[in-house]
Amino acid sequence: MTAADGTLHLLQQTFIDNDALQRGYCTPGQIMSGLACIAEGLAGDDEQIREYMSGNLCRCGAYIGIVAAVRQAVAEQEE
C-alpha cells in the first residue's frame, strides 16, 4: 500500500502514530477493514468503528490504538 515514492498510506501512518500494532500478524487485515470502514462512511464515532472492526480478531490488545488510528485518519482526511 505504499505510494510510488515510498510514502505510507495515511491509515498505515496513523497505525504507527497510535501504536496500533504489536505483533503485526493481524495488522494487514485491520488496515484493510479500517479502509473499508472509512470508505463506507461507518467511522463516525468510536462505537461505529469498534462494531465495524469487530470481525477482526487481535490477541495483542491493540484495539484502543486501532480505533484511534481510524479516527485520526478520518480527521486528517477531512482537513
Protein backbone atom coordinates (compact mmCIF):
# COMPACT_ATOMS: atom_id res chain seq x y z
CA MET A 1 0.00 0.00 0.00
CA THR A 2 2.91 2.37 -0.30
CA ALA A 3 2.86 5.09 -2.90
CA ALA A 4 5.27 5.07 -5.83
CA ASP A 5 7.54 7.43 -3.91
CA GLY A 6 7.63 5.03 -0.94
CA THR A 7 5.40 7.03 1.40
CA LEU A 8 2.90 5.20 3.55
CA HIS A 9 -0.85 5.39 3.10
CA LEU A 10 -2.47 7.73 5.63
CA LEU A 11 -4.02 4.82 7.57
CA GLN A 12 -0.70 2.98 7.72
CA GLN A 13 0.90 6.09 9.19
CA THR A 14 -1.88 6.60 11.75
CA PHE A 15 -1.46 2.96 12.85
CA ILE A 16 2.19 3.76 13.57
CA ASP A 17 1.31 7.09 15.22
CA ASN A 18 -1.20 5.41 17.56
CA ASP A 19 0.84 2.29 18.32
CA ALA A 20 -1.99 0.25 16.80
CA LEU A 21 0.11 -2.81 16.14
CA GLN A 22 2.16 -5.12 18.25
CA ARG A 23 2.99 -8.48 16.71
CA GLY A 24 1.87 -7.39 13.25
CA TYR A 25 0.06 -10.64 12.44
CA CYS A 26 -3.40 -9.06 12.28
CA THR A 27 -2.27 -5.63 11.07
CA PRO A 28 -2.87 -6.08 7.30
CA GLY A 29 -6.46 -7.21 7.90
CA GLN A 30 -7.05 -4.44 10.42
CA ILE A 31 -5.80 -1.82 7.95
CA MET A 32 -7.92 -3.22 5.10
CA SER A 33 -11.00 -3.25 7.34
CA GLY A 34 -10.20 0.25 8.54
CA LEU A 35 -10.03 1.46 4.94
CA ALA A 36 -13.40 -0.14 4.18
CA CYS A 37 -14.92 1.31 7.37
CA ILE A 38 -13.84 4.80 6.33
CA ALA A 39 -14.86 4.33 2.68
CA GLU A 40 -18.33 3.12 3.69
CA GLY A 41 -18.82 6.13 5.97
CA LEU A 42 -19.06 3.98 9.10
CA ALA A 43 -16.33 5.65 11.13
CA GLY A 44 -18.47 8.39 12.65
CA ASP A 45 -17.61 7.59 16.25
CA ASP A 46 -15.66 5.08 18.32
CA GLU A 47 -18.65 2.75 18.74
CA GLN A 48 -19.21 2.56 14.96
CA ILE A 49 -15.52 1.88 14.39
CA ARG A 50 -15.46 -0.85 17.05
CA GLU A 51 -18.54 -2.51 15.58
CA TYR A 52 -17.15 -2.45 12.05
CA MET A 53 -13.76 -3.73 13.15
CA SER A 54 -15.21 -6.45 15.41
CA GLY A 55 -14.78 -9.12 12.74
CA ASN A 56 -11.00 -8.90 13.06
CA LEU A 57 -9.51 -10.92 15.86
CA CYS A 58 -6.47 -9.48 17.56
CA ARG A 59 -4.87 -11.15 20.55
CA CYS A 60 -2.25 -8.50 21.14
CA GLY A 61 -4.70 -6.00 22.60
CA ALA A 62 -4.07 -3.09 20.24
CA TYR A 63 -7.79 -2.32 19.92
CA ILE A 64 -7.58 1.10 21.57
CA GLY A 65 -4.81 2.15 19.20
CA ILE A 66 -6.65 0.72 16.18
CA VAL A 67 -9.79 2.76 16.91
CA ALA A 68 -7.64 5.85 17.50
CA ALA A 69 -5.80 5.26 14.21
CA VAL A 70 -9.02 5.00 12.19
CA ARG A 71 -10.43 8.07 13.94
CA GLN A 72 -7.23 10.05 13.26
CA ALA A 73 -7.23 9.02 9.58
CA VAL A 74 -10.82 10.24 9.19
CA ALA A 75 -9.97 13.55 10.87
CA GLU A 76 -6.88 14.07 8.70
CA GLN A 77 -8.81 13.27 5.51
CA GLU A 78 -11.35 15.94 6.42
CA GLU A 79 -8.65 18.63 6.82
